[in-house]
Amino acid sequence: MIHILGKASSINVRKVLWTCAELQLDCVQTEYGSGTPHAVNTPEFLQLNPNGMVPVLRDGDVVLWESNTICRYLSNRYQPGTLLPESATQKAQVEKWMDWQATELNNAWRYAFMAMVRQSPDYRDLMAIERSIAQWNRMMGIVDQQLKKTGAWMAGEQFSLADIVIGLSLNRWKMSPIDRPHLAFVDAYEQRLMEREAYRLYGANGVA
């Protein structure tokens, strides 16, 4: 049985839940993290993930952390070629956008999101907030241009893991109280995502 440790409101846990739903995998999810009955700083949890972060996947004897890695593992193990192409060239296109989301896009929105949504007292520099918003919007412009090229999904004509990670980032961008440019191809992409039940459950579910 696939066991996911992490609270369902976490954007990274939702990546894994969405992947499981797309692959039609049965899984059990247990709430871990702040505001849940299970802490992530216990010796038991730190043995699973020394970073003390969610999600953690347990699949038999396999224990994994890092959400994008978990999504890759599930796709490769249970339905190879479905969400992650078997062709090395096509797979690289999907993984390129997954890595970009985890590094460039996440780094762009982090300061503004922590300040304006999480309202963390550690993120109060107004100039840093403005820079973060500007960079966030620029990154979403890159998404818009990629969608203009493909006319469909992030890595081409087929829905893939790239769309799960970018789709959740899109939801966060749309739900955050910031000034955003109108991006026509991103808006059309959002409508395509909304046609997927798994996105409605784990992407556009009222959680940023």
N, C-alpha and C. Protein backbone atom coordinates (compact mmCIF):
# COMPACT_ATOMS: atom_id res chain seq x y z
N MET A 1 0.84 -1.19 0.00
CA MET A 1 0.00 0.00 0.00
C MET A 1 0.88 1.25 0.00
N ILE A 2 0.56 2.19 -0.84
CA ILE A 2 1.27 3.46 -0.90
C ILE A 2 0.79 4.34 0.25
N HIS A 3 1.73 4.82 1.05
CA HIS A 3 1.40 5.64 2.22
C HIS A 3 2.09 6.99 2.05
N ILE A 4 1.30 8.06 2.08
CA ILE A 4 1.82 9.42 1.94
C ILE A 4 1.71 10.12 3.28
N LEU A 5 2.84 10.59 3.80
CA LEU A 5 2.86 11.33 5.06
C LEU A 5 2.97 12.81 4.74
N GLY A 6 1.97 13.58 5.17
CA GLY A 6 1.99 15.01 4.92
C GLY A 6 0.59 15.57 4.86
N LYS A 7 0.43 16.81 5.28
CA LYS A 7 -0.92 17.40 5.32
C LYS A 7 -1.39 17.74 3.91
N ALA A 8 -2.67 17.54 3.69
CA ALA A 8 -3.25 17.69 2.36
C ALA A 8 -3.28 19.13 1.89
N SER A 9 -3.06 20.10 2.78
CA SER A 9 -3.02 21.50 2.37
C SER A 9 -1.66 21.90 1.81
N SER A 10 -0.65 21.06 1.99
CA SER A 10 0.69 21.36 1.48
C SER A 10 0.74 21.24 -0.03
N ILE A 11 1.29 22.24 -0.71
CA ILE A 11 1.37 22.21 -2.17
C ILE A 11 2.19 21.02 -2.65
N ASN A 12 3.21 20.63 -1.91
CA ASN A 12 4.05 19.51 -2.33
C ASN A 12 3.38 18.17 -2.08
N VAL A 13 2.60 18.08 -1.03
CA VAL A 13 1.81 16.86 -0.81
C VAL A 13 0.75 16.73 -1.89
N ARG A 14 0.16 17.84 -2.27
CA ARG A 14 -0.87 17.82 -3.31
C ARG A 14 -0.31 17.37 -4.66
N LYS A 15 0.96 17.66 -4.93
CA LYS A 15 1.59 17.11 -6.14
C LYS A 15 1.47 15.59 -6.16
N VAL A 16 1.80 14.98 -5.03
CA VAL A 16 1.82 13.53 -4.95
C VAL A 16 0.41 12.97 -5.01
N LEU A 17 -0.52 13.60 -4.30
CA LEU A 17 -1.91 13.14 -4.33
C LEU A 17 -2.49 13.25 -5.73
N TRP A 18 -2.19 14.34 -6.42
CA TRP A 18 -2.67 14.51 -7.79
C TRP A 18 -2.08 13.44 -8.70
N THR A 19 -0.79 13.17 -8.55
CA THR A 19 -0.14 12.13 -9.36
C THR A 19 -0.80 10.78 -9.13
N CYS A 20 -1.06 10.45 -7.86
CA CYS A 20 -1.72 9.17 -7.55
C CYS A 20 -3.10 9.11 -8.21
N ALA A 21 -3.82 10.24 -8.17
CA ALA A 21 -5.16 10.26 -8.77
C ALA A 21 -5.09 10.07 -10.28
N GLU A 22 -4.14 10.72 -10.94
CA GLU A 22 -4.00 10.57 -12.39
C GLU A 22 -3.64 9.15 -12.77
N LEU A 23 -2.83 8.50 -11.94
CA LEU A 23 -2.40 7.13 -12.21
C LEU A 23 -3.38 6.09 -11.67
N GLN A 24 -4.44 6.57 -11.00
CA GLN A 24 -5.45 5.70 -10.40
C GLN A 24 -4.82 4.70 -9.43
N LEU A 25 -3.95 5.24 -8.57
CA LEU A 25 -3.28 4.42 -7.56
C LEU A 25 -3.99 4.58 -6.21
N ASP A 26 -4.21 3.47 -5.54
CA ASP A 26 -4.76 3.52 -4.20
C ASP A 26 -3.65 3.96 -3.24
N CYS A 27 -3.98 4.92 -2.39
CA CYS A 27 -2.98 5.37 -1.43
C CYS A 27 -3.67 5.77 -0.13
N VAL A 28 -2.90 5.76 0.94
CA VAL A 28 -3.35 6.23 2.25
C VAL A 28 -2.55 7.46 2.58
N GLN A 29 -3.22 8.52 2.99
CA GLN A 29 -2.54 9.77 3.34
C GLN A 29 -2.78 10.07 4.82
N THR A 30 -1.70 10.33 5.55
CA THR A 30 -1.77 10.66 6.97
C THR A 30 -1.26 12.07 7.18
N GLU A 31 -2.02 12.87 7.90
CA GLU A 31 -1.66 14.27 8.13
C GLU A 31 -0.41 14.38 9.01
N TYR A 32 0.61 15.00 8.47
CA TYR A 32 1.84 15.31 9.21
C TYR A 32 2.18 16.77 8.95
N GLY A 33 2.71 17.45 9.97
CA GLY A 33 3.13 18.83 9.81
C GLY A 33 2.41 19.75 10.78
N SER A 34 2.71 21.03 10.70
CA SER A 34 2.13 22.01 11.63
C SER A 34 0.61 22.01 11.53
N GLY A 35 -0.03 22.06 12.70
CA GLY A 35 -1.48 22.06 12.75
C GLY A 35 -2.12 20.70 12.64
N THR A 36 -1.31 19.64 12.63
CA THR A 36 -1.83 18.27 12.55
C THR A 36 -1.42 17.51 13.82
N PRO A 37 -1.99 16.34 14.04
CA PRO A 37 -1.62 15.56 15.23
C PRO A 37 -0.21 14.98 15.18
N HIS A 38 0.42 15.01 14.01
CA HIS A 38 1.72 14.36 13.87
C HIS A 38 2.80 15.39 13.51
N ALA A 39 3.81 15.48 14.37
CA ALA A 39 4.90 16.43 14.17
C ALA A 39 5.95 15.84 13.23
N VAL A 40 6.71 16.73 12.61
CA VAL A 40 7.76 16.28 11.68
C VAL A 40 9.16 16.41 12.29
N ASN A 41 9.22 16.81 13.57
CA ASN A 41 10.52 16.96 14.22
C ASN A 41 10.80 15.86 15.24
N THR A 42 10.03 14.78 15.15
CA THR A 42 10.25 13.66 16.06
C THR A 42 11.37 12.78 15.53
N PRO A 43 12.04 12.03 16.41
CA PRO A 43 13.09 11.12 15.93
C PRO A 43 12.57 10.13 14.90
N GLU A 44 11.33 9.67 15.08
CA GLU A 44 10.77 8.68 14.16
C GLU A 44 10.59 9.27 12.76
N PHE A 45 10.07 10.50 12.70
CA PHE A 45 9.88 11.10 11.37
C PHE A 45 11.22 11.47 10.75
N LEU A 46 12.15 11.98 11.57
CA LEU A 46 13.45 12.39 11.03
C LEU A 46 14.25 11.20 10.51
N GLN A 47 13.94 10.01 10.96
CA GLN A 47 14.56 8.84 10.37
C GLN A 47 14.08 8.61 8.93
N LEU A 48 12.85 9.04 8.67
CA LEU A 48 12.30 8.92 7.32
C LEU A 48 12.79 10.05 6.42
N ASN A 49 12.80 11.28 6.95
CA ASN A 49 13.29 12.44 6.21
C ASN A 49 14.06 13.34 7.17
N PRO A 50 15.38 13.34 7.08
CA PRO A 50 16.19 14.14 8.00
C PRO A 50 15.95 15.63 7.88
N ASN A 51 15.29 16.08 6.80
CA ASN A 51 14.97 17.49 6.63
C ASN A 51 13.75 17.91 7.45
N GLY A 52 12.99 16.93 7.96
CA GLY A 52 11.80 17.25 8.73
C GLY A 52 10.74 17.96 7.91
N MET A 53 10.56 17.53 6.67
CA MET A 53 9.59 18.16 5.77
C MET A 53 8.71 17.10 5.12
N VAL A 54 7.54 17.55 4.66
CA VAL A 54 6.62 16.67 3.93
C VAL A 54 6.63 17.05 2.45
N PRO A 55 6.27 16.10 1.59
CA PRO A 55 5.77 14.75 1.86
C PRO A 55 6.89 13.73 2.02
N VAL A 56 6.51 12.61 2.64
CA VAL A 56 7.32 11.41 2.63
C VAL A 56 6.46 10.29 2.07
N LEU A 57 7.04 9.49 1.21
CA LEU A 57 6.34 8.34 0.63
C LEU A 57 6.91 7.06 1.22
N ARG A 58 6.00 6.17 1.62
CA ARG A 58 6.38 4.81 2.00
C ARG A 58 5.63 3.87 1.07
N ASP A 59 6.38 3.07 0.35
CA ASP A 59 5.81 2.11 -0.59
C ASP A 59 6.53 0.79 -0.37
N GLY A 60 5.97 -0.03 0.52
CA GLY A 60 6.68 -1.23 0.92
C GLY A 60 7.95 -0.84 1.65
N ASP A 61 9.08 -1.32 1.16
CA ASP A 61 10.37 -1.00 1.77
C ASP A 61 10.96 0.31 1.26
N VAL A 62 10.31 0.91 0.28
CA VAL A 62 10.82 2.15 -0.32
C VAL A 62 10.35 3.36 0.50
N VAL A 63 11.30 4.19 0.87
CA VAL A 63 11.00 5.45 1.55
C VAL A 63 11.63 6.58 0.74
N LEU A 64 10.81 7.56 0.37
CA LEU A 64 11.31 8.67 -0.46
C LEU A 64 10.82 9.99 0.08
N TRP A 65 11.64 11.03 -0.08
CA TRP A 65 11.21 12.40 0.12
C TRP A 65 11.64 13.21 -1.09
N GLU A 66 11.21 14.46 -1.15
CA GLU A 66 11.28 15.36 -2.30
C GLU A 66 10.12 15.04 -3.25
N SER A 67 9.17 15.97 -3.31
CA SER A 67 7.90 15.72 -4.00
C SER A 67 8.08 15.37 -5.48
N ASN A 68 8.94 16.10 -6.19
CA ASN A 68 9.09 15.80 -7.62
C ASN A 68 9.70 14.42 -7.83
N THR A 69 10.61 14.02 -6.96
CA THR A 69 11.20 12.69 -7.04
C THR A 69 10.15 11.62 -6.78
N ILE A 70 9.28 11.86 -5.81
CA ILE A 70 8.20 10.91 -5.51
C ILE A 70 7.29 10.76 -6.73
N CYS A 71 6.95 11.87 -7.36
CA CYS A 71 6.08 11.80 -8.54
C CYS A 71 6.74 11.02 -9.67
N ARG A 72 8.03 11.25 -9.87
CA ARG A 72 8.75 10.49 -10.90
C ARG A 72 8.73 8.99 -10.58
N TYR A 73 9.00 8.68 -9.32
CA TYR A 73 9.05 7.27 -8.90
C TYR A 73 7.71 6.59 -9.16
N LEU A 74 6.62 7.21 -8.73
CA LEU A 74 5.31 6.61 -8.90
C LEU A 74 4.99 6.38 -10.37
N SER A 75 5.33 7.36 -11.20
CA SER A 75 5.07 7.24 -12.64
C SER A 75 5.90 6.13 -13.26
N ASN A 76 7.17 6.09 -12.92
CA ASN A 76 8.06 5.08 -13.51
C ASN A 76 7.72 3.68 -13.03
N ARG A 77 7.33 3.55 -11.76
CA ARG A 77 7.09 2.21 -11.22
C ARG A 77 5.74 1.65 -11.65
N TYR A 78 4.72 2.47 -11.64
CA TYR A 78 3.37 1.93 -11.79
C TYR A 78 2.77 2.10 -13.18
N GLN A 79 3.10 3.17 -13.86
CA GLN A 79 2.58 3.34 -15.22
C GLN A 79 3.62 4.04 -16.09
N PRO A 80 4.71 3.36 -16.38
CA PRO A 80 5.76 3.98 -17.19
C PRO A 80 5.23 4.43 -18.54
N GLY A 81 5.62 5.63 -18.92
CA GLY A 81 5.20 6.17 -20.20
C GLY A 81 3.91 6.95 -20.16
N THR A 82 3.22 6.96 -19.02
CA THR A 82 1.93 7.65 -18.94
C THR A 82 2.11 9.13 -18.63
N LEU A 83 2.68 9.46 -17.49
CA LEU A 83 2.91 10.86 -17.11
C LEU A 83 4.36 11.28 -17.32
N LEU A 84 5.22 10.31 -17.53
CA LEU A 84 6.63 10.57 -17.78
C LEU A 84 7.04 9.71 -18.97
N PRO A 85 7.29 10.32 -20.13
CA PRO A 85 7.55 9.55 -21.34
C PRO A 85 8.74 8.61 -21.20
N GLU A 86 8.71 7.53 -21.95
CA GLU A 86 9.83 6.58 -21.93
C GLU A 86 10.96 7.04 -22.83
N SER A 87 10.66 7.80 -23.86
CA SER A 87 11.69 8.35 -24.73
C SER A 87 12.59 9.30 -23.94
N ALA A 88 13.90 9.13 -24.05
CA ALA A 88 14.84 9.97 -23.30
C ALA A 88 14.66 11.45 -23.64
N THR A 89 14.42 11.75 -24.90
CA THR A 89 14.26 13.14 -25.33
C THR A 89 12.99 13.74 -24.76
N GLN A 90 11.89 13.02 -24.88
CA GLN A 90 10.62 13.53 -24.37
C GLN A 90 10.62 13.61 -22.84
N LYS A 91 11.23 12.61 -22.20
CA LYS A 91 11.32 12.62 -20.74
C LYS A 91 12.11 13.83 -20.27
N ALA A 92 13.18 14.16 -20.96
CA ALA A 92 14.00 15.31 -20.58
C ALA A 92 13.20 16.61 -20.66
N GLN A 93 12.31 16.73 -21.63
CA GLN A 93 11.48 17.93 -21.75
C GLN A 93 10.55 18.07 -20.54
N VAL A 94 9.98 16.97 -20.09
CA VAL A 94 9.12 17.00 -18.90
C VAL A 94 9.93 17.35 -17.66
N GLU A 95 11.06 16.67 -17.50
CA GLU A 95 11.86 16.87 -16.29
C GLU A 95 12.49 18.25 -16.25
N LYS A 96 12.76 18.83 -17.40
CA LYS A 96 13.27 20.21 -17.46
C LYS A 96 12.32 21.16 -16.75
N TRP A 97 11.02 21.06 -17.08
CA TRP A 97 10.03 21.95 -16.47
C TRP A 97 9.80 21.62 -15.01
N MET A 98 9.91 20.36 -14.64
CA MET A 98 9.80 20.00 -13.22
C MET A 98 10.93 20.61 -12.41
N ASP A 99 12.14 20.52 -12.95
CA ASP A 99 13.29 21.09 -12.24
C ASP A 99 13.21 22.61 -12.20
N TRP A 100 12.77 23.21 -13.29
CA TRP A 100 12.61 24.67 -13.33
C TRP A 100 11.59 25.14 -12.30
N GLN A 101 10.49 24.39 -12.17
CA GLN A 101 9.49 24.74 -11.17
C GLN A 101 10.08 24.70 -9.76
N ALA A 102 10.87 23.68 -9.48
CA ALA A 102 11.41 23.50 -8.13
C ALA A 102 12.49 24.50 -7.78
N THR A 103 13.12 25.09 -8.80
CA THR A 103 14.23 26.00 -8.52
C THR A 103 13.86 27.44 -8.87
N GLU A 104 13.76 27.73 -10.14
CA GLU A 104 13.54 29.12 -10.57
C GLU A 104 12.18 29.66 -10.15
N LEU A 105 11.12 28.92 -10.44
CA LEU A 105 9.77 29.43 -10.14
C LEU A 105 9.53 29.51 -8.63
N ASN A 106 9.88 28.47 -7.90
CA ASN A 106 9.69 28.51 -6.45
C ASN A 106 10.47 29.64 -5.80
N ASN A 107 11.70 29.84 -6.23
CA ASN A 107 12.51 30.91 -5.65
C ASN A 107 11.94 32.29 -5.95
N ALA A 108 11.27 32.42 -7.07
CA ALA A 108 10.68 33.71 -7.45
C ALA A 108 9.54 34.09 -6.51
N TRP A 109 8.64 33.16 -6.23
CA TRP A 109 7.44 33.53 -5.46
C TRP A 109 7.61 33.46 -3.95
N ARG A 110 8.66 32.83 -3.48
CA ARG A 110 8.74 32.51 -2.05
C ARG A 110 8.60 33.73 -1.14
N TYR A 111 9.33 34.81 -1.41
CA TYR A 111 9.30 35.95 -0.49
C TYR A 111 7.91 36.60 -0.47
N ALA A 112 7.35 36.85 -1.65
CA ALA A 112 6.03 37.50 -1.72
C ALA A 112 4.96 36.62 -1.09
N PHE A 113 5.01 35.33 -1.35
CA PHE A 113 4.00 34.43 -0.80
C PHE A 113 4.08 34.37 0.72
N MET A 114 5.28 34.26 1.25
CA MET A 114 5.44 34.20 2.70
C MET A 114 4.97 35.49 3.36
N ALA A 115 5.17 36.61 2.69
CA ALA A 115 4.77 37.90 3.24
C ALA A 115 3.26 38.12 3.15
N MET A 116 2.69 37.86 1.98
CA MET A 116 1.32 38.30 1.72
C MET A 116 0.26 37.23 1.98
N VAL A 117 0.64 35.96 1.92
CA VAL A 117 -0.31 34.89 2.18
C VAL A 117 -0.08 34.28 3.56
N ARG A 118 1.14 33.89 3.83
CA ARG A 118 1.45 33.33 5.14
C ARG A 118 1.58 34.41 6.22
N GLN A 119 1.82 35.66 5.78
CA GLN A 119 1.96 36.81 6.69
C GLN A 119 3.01 36.54 7.77
N SER A 120 4.13 36.02 7.33
CA SER A 120 5.23 35.73 8.24
C SER A 120 5.94 37.02 8.66
N PRO A 121 6.21 37.21 9.95
CA PRO A 121 6.92 38.41 10.40
C PRO A 121 8.35 38.49 9.89
N ASP A 122 8.88 37.40 9.38
CA ASP A 122 10.25 37.40 8.85
C ASP A 122 10.33 37.92 7.42
N TYR A 123 9.17 38.21 6.80
CA TYR A 123 9.14 38.66 5.41
C TYR A 123 8.35 39.97 5.34
N ARG A 124 9.03 41.06 5.69
CA ARG A 124 8.36 42.36 5.78
C ARG A 124 9.05 43.46 4.97
N ASP A 125 10.08 43.11 4.22
CA ASP A 125 10.81 44.09 3.43
C ASP A 125 9.99 44.40 2.17
N LEU A 126 9.46 45.63 2.10
CA LEU A 126 8.56 45.98 0.99
C LEU A 126 9.24 45.91 -0.37
N MET A 127 10.50 46.31 -0.43
CA MET A 127 11.22 46.25 -1.70
C MET A 127 11.45 44.80 -2.12
N ALA A 128 11.74 43.95 -1.14
CA ALA A 128 11.93 42.53 -1.44
C ALA A 128 10.63 41.90 -1.92
N ILE A 129 9.50 42.32 -1.34
CA ILE A 129 8.20 41.82 -1.78
C ILE A 129 7.94 42.23 -3.22
N GLU A 130 8.21 43.49 -3.54
CA GLU A 130 7.99 43.98 -4.91
C GLU A 130 8.87 43.24 -5.91
N ARG A 131 10.13 43.01 -5.53
CA ARG A 131 11.04 42.27 -6.43
C ARG A 131 10.54 40.85 -6.65
N SER A 132 10.06 40.23 -5.58
CA SER A 132 9.56 38.86 -5.67
C SER A 132 8.34 38.78 -6.58
N ILE A 133 7.42 39.73 -6.44
CA ILE A 133 6.22 39.75 -7.29
C ILE A 133 6.61 39.94 -8.75
N ALA A 134 7.53 40.87 -9.00
CA ALA A 134 7.96 41.12 -10.37
C ALA A 134 8.60 39.88 -10.99
N GLN A 135 9.44 39.20 -10.21
CA GLN A 135 10.09 38.00 -10.71
C GLN A 135 9.09 36.87 -10.91
N TRP A 136 8.15 36.76 -9.99
CA TRP A 136 7.09 35.75 -10.09
C TRP A 136 6.30 35.94 -11.38
N ASN A 137 5.90 37.18 -11.63
CA ASN A 137 5.14 37.46 -12.86
C ASN A 137 5.98 37.19 -14.11
N ARG A 138 7.27 37.49 -14.03
CA ARG A 138 8.14 37.21 -15.18
C ARG A 138 8.21 35.71 -15.45
N MET A 139 8.31 34.93 -14.39
CA MET A 139 8.36 33.48 -14.56
C MET A 139 7.07 32.93 -15.15
N MET A 140 5.94 33.48 -14.72
CA MET A 140 4.67 33.04 -15.29
C MET A 140 4.55 33.46 -16.75
N GLY A 141 5.24 34.53 -17.11
CA GLY A 141 5.31 34.91 -18.51
C GLY A 141 6.05 33.87 -19.34
N ILE A 142 7.07 33.24 -18.74
CA ILE A 142 7.78 32.16 -19.41
C ILE A 142 6.85 30.97 -19.63
N VAL A 143 6.03 30.67 -18.62
CA VAL A 143 5.02 29.61 -18.77
C VAL A 143 4.08 29.95 -19.92
N ASP A 144 3.63 31.20 -19.97
CA ASP A 144 2.70 31.64 -21.02
C ASP A 144 3.30 31.44 -22.41
N GLN A 145 4.56 31.80 -22.57
CA GLN A 145 5.22 31.65 -23.88
C GLN A 145 5.42 30.19 -24.25
N GLN A 146 5.70 29.35 -23.26
CA GLN A 146 5.83 27.92 -23.55
C GLN A 146 4.49 27.34 -24.01
N LEU A 147 3.42 27.74 -23.35
CA LEU A 147 2.10 27.25 -23.73
C LEU A 147 1.68 27.77 -25.11
N LYS A 148 2.13 28.96 -25.45
CA LYS A 148 1.88 29.48 -26.80
C LYS A 148 2.55 28.58 -27.84
N LYS A 149 3.75 28.10 -27.53
CA LYS A 149 4.48 27.23 -28.47
C LYS A 149 3.81 25.87 -28.61
N THR A 150 3.41 25.28 -27.48
CA THR A 150 2.88 23.91 -27.54
C THR A 150 1.40 23.90 -27.93
N GLY A 151 0.67 24.94 -27.55
CA GLY A 151 -0.76 24.98 -27.81
C GLY A 151 -1.56 24.04 -26.94
N ALA A 152 -0.89 23.38 -25.98
CA ALA A 152 -1.60 22.40 -25.16
C ALA A 152 -1.02 22.33 -23.75
N TRP A 153 0.02 21.52 -23.59
CA TRP A 153 0.57 21.25 -22.26
C TRP A 153 2.01 21.72 -22.17
N MET A 154 2.57 21.71 -20.98
CA MET A 154 3.88 22.33 -20.77
C MET A 154 4.99 21.68 -21.59
N ALA A 155 4.96 20.38 -21.72
CA ALA A 155 6.06 19.70 -22.42
C ALA A 155 5.67 19.23 -23.81
N GLY A 156 4.49 19.63 -24.28
CA GLY A 156 4.09 19.22 -25.63
C GLY A 156 2.60 18.93 -25.72
N GLU A 157 2.25 17.94 -26.51
CA GLU A 157 0.85 17.64 -26.79
C GLU A 157 0.19 16.79 -25.71
N GLN A 158 1.01 16.13 -24.86
CA GLN A 158 0.46 15.22 -23.87
C GLN A 158 0.58 15.80 -22.45
N PHE A 159 -0.46 15.61 -21.66
CA PHE A 159 -0.42 15.95 -20.24
C PHE A 159 0.67 15.12 -19.57
N SER A 160 1.42 15.73 -18.66
CA SER A 160 2.54 15.04 -18.03
C SER A 160 2.75 15.54 -16.61
N LEU A 161 3.76 14.99 -15.95
CA LEU A 161 4.12 15.46 -14.62
C LEU A 161 4.46 16.94 -14.60
N ALA A 162 4.96 17.46 -15.71
CA ALA A 162 5.27 18.89 -15.77
C ALA A 162 4.02 19.72 -15.51
N ASP A 163 2.87 19.23 -15.95
CA ASP A 163 1.63 19.97 -15.77
C ASP A 163 1.12 19.88 -14.34
N ILE A 164 1.46 18.82 -13.64
CA ILE A 164 1.08 18.72 -12.24
C ILE A 164 1.83 19.76 -11.42
N VAL A 165 3.13 19.84 -11.60
CA VAL A 165 3.90 20.79 -10.77
C VAL A 165 3.64 22.23 -11.20
N ILE A 166 3.53 22.49 -12.49
CA ILE A 166 3.25 23.85 -12.96
C ILE A 166 1.80 24.22 -12.67
N GLY A 167 0.88 23.27 -12.77
CA GLY A 167 -0.52 23.54 -12.49
C GLY A 167 -0.75 23.99 -11.07
N LEU A 168 -0.06 23.38 -10.12
CA LEU A 168 -0.18 23.80 -8.73
C LEU A 168 0.44 25.18 -8.51
N SER A 169 1.54 25.44 -9.20
CA SER A 169 2.15 26.77 -9.11
C SER A 169 1.24 27.84 -9.70
N LEU A 170 0.56 27.49 -10.80
CA LEU A 170 -0.40 28.41 -11.40
C LEU A 170 -1.52 28.74 -10.42
N ASN A 171 -2.03 27.72 -9.75
CA ASN A 171 -3.09 27.94 -8.77
C ASN A 171 -2.62 28.89 -7.66
N ARG A 172 -1.41 28.68 -7.20
CA ARG A 172 -0.87 29.56 -6.15
C ARG A 172 -0.75 31.00 -6.64
N TRP A 173 -0.30 31.17 -7.87
CA TRP A 173 -0.17 32.52 -8.45
C TRP A 173 -1.53 33.21 -8.54
N LYS A 174 -2.54 32.46 -9.01
CA LYS A 174 -3.87 33.04 -9.18
C LYS A 174 -4.53 33.37 -7.84
N MET A 175 -4.24 32.60 -6.81
CA MET A 175 -4.93 32.79 -5.53
C MET A 175 -4.23 33.79 -4.61
N SER A 176 -3.01 34.17 -4.94
CA SER A 176 -2.28 35.09 -4.08
C SER A 176 -2.70 36.54 -4.35
N PRO A 177 -2.77 37.38 -3.31
CA PRO A 177 -3.24 38.76 -3.46
C PRO A 177 -2.16 39.69 -4.02
N ILE A 178 -1.83 39.49 -5.29
CA ILE A 178 -0.80 40.31 -5.94
C ILE A 178 -1.37 40.85 -7.25
N ASP A 179 -0.73 41.88 -7.78
CA ASP A 179 -1.08 42.37 -9.11
C ASP A 179 -0.44 41.45 -10.15
N ARG A 180 -1.28 40.96 -11.07
CA ARG A 180 -0.82 40.01 -12.08
C ARG A 180 -1.13 40.52 -13.47
N PRO A 181 -0.26 40.27 -14.43
CA PRO A 181 -0.59 40.59 -15.82
C PRO A 181 -1.59 39.58 -16.36
N HIS A 182 -2.30 39.98 -17.40
CA HIS A 182 -3.19 39.04 -18.08
C HIS A 182 -2.35 38.19 -19.03
N LEU A 183 -2.41 36.91 -18.86
CA LEU A 183 -1.66 35.97 -19.70
C LEU A 183 -2.66 35.03 -20.35
N ALA A 184 -2.93 35.27 -21.62
CA ALA A 184 -4.02 34.57 -22.30
C ALA A 184 -3.79 33.06 -22.39
N PHE A 185 -2.56 32.65 -22.66
CA PHE A 185 -2.30 31.23 -22.82
C PHE A 185 -2.32 30.51 -21.47
N VAL A 186 -1.91 31.20 -20.42
CA VAL A 186 -2.02 30.64 -19.07
C VAL A 186 -3.49 30.47 -18.69
N ASP A 187 -4.32 31.46 -19.01
CA ASP A 187 -5.75 31.36 -18.70
C ASP A 187 -6.40 30.19 -19.43
N ALA A 188 -6.05 30.00 -20.70
CA ALA A 188 -6.61 28.88 -21.45
C ALA A 188 -6.12 27.54 -20.89
N TYR A 189 -4.88 27.52 -20.46
CA TYR A 189 -4.29 26.33 -19.83
C TYR A 189 -5.04 25.99 -18.55
N GLU A 190 -5.35 27.00 -17.76
CA GLU A 190 -6.09 26.78 -16.52
C GLU A 190 -7.44 26.13 -16.81
N GLN A 191 -8.10 26.56 -17.87
CA GLN A 191 -9.38 25.97 -18.23
C GLN A 191 -9.21 24.50 -18.64
N ARG A 192 -8.13 24.18 -19.34
CA ARG A 192 -7.88 22.77 -19.68
C ARG A 192 -7.64 21.94 -18.42
N LEU A 193 -6.90 22.50 -17.49
CA LEU A 193 -6.66 21.79 -16.23
C LEU A 193 -7.96 21.55 -15.48
N MET A 194 -8.86 22.53 -15.52
CA MET A 194 -10.11 22.42 -14.79
C MET A 194 -10.99 21.28 -15.31
N GLU A 195 -10.71 20.81 -16.50
CA GLU A 195 -11.46 19.69 -17.05
C GLU A 195 -11.03 18.36 -16.44
N ARG A 196 -9.93 18.36 -15.67
CA ARG A 196 -9.41 17.15 -15.07
C ARG A 196 -9.89 17.06 -13.63
N GLU A 197 -10.52 15.96 -13.29
CA GLU A 197 -11.06 15.79 -11.94
C GLU A 197 -9.96 15.89 -10.88
N ALA A 198 -8.80 15.32 -11.18
CA ALA A 198 -7.71 15.33 -10.20
C ALA A 198 -7.22 16.75 -9.91
N TYR A 199 -7.25 17.62 -10.92
CA TYR A 199 -6.87 19.02 -10.68
C TYR A 199 -7.92 19.70 -9.82
N ARG A 200 -9.18 19.44 -10.08
CA ARG A 200 -10.22 20.05 -9.27
C ARG A 200 -10.11 19.61 -7.81
N LEU A 201 -9.66 18.39 -7.58
CA LEU A 201 -9.52 17.88 -6.22
C LEU A 201 -8.28 18.41 -5.51
N TYR A 202 -7.17 18.50 -6.23
CA TYR A 202 -5.91 18.80 -5.56
C TYR A 202 -5.21 20.05 -6.04
N GLY A 203 -5.74 20.67 -7.11
CA GLY A 203 -5.16 21.93 -7.60
C GLY A 203 -6.06 23.08 -7.28
N ALA A 204 -7.21 23.13 -7.93
CA ALA A 204 -8.16 24.22 -7.72
C ALA A 204 -9.13 23.85 -6.60
N ASN A 205 -8.59 23.59 -5.42
CA ASN A 205 -9.41 23.12 -4.31
C ASN A 205 -9.49 24.14 -3.18
N GLY A 206 -9.25 25.40 -3.51
CA GLY A 206 -9.36 26.45 -2.49
C GLY A 206 -8.15 26.61 -1.61
N VAL A 207 -7.07 25.88 -1.92
CA VAL A 207 -5.84 25.96 -1.13
C VAL A 207 -4.73 26.51 -2.01
N ALA A 208 -4.00 27.49 -1.50
CA ALA A 208 -2.87 28.03 -2.25
C ALA A 208 -1.59 27.30 -1.87
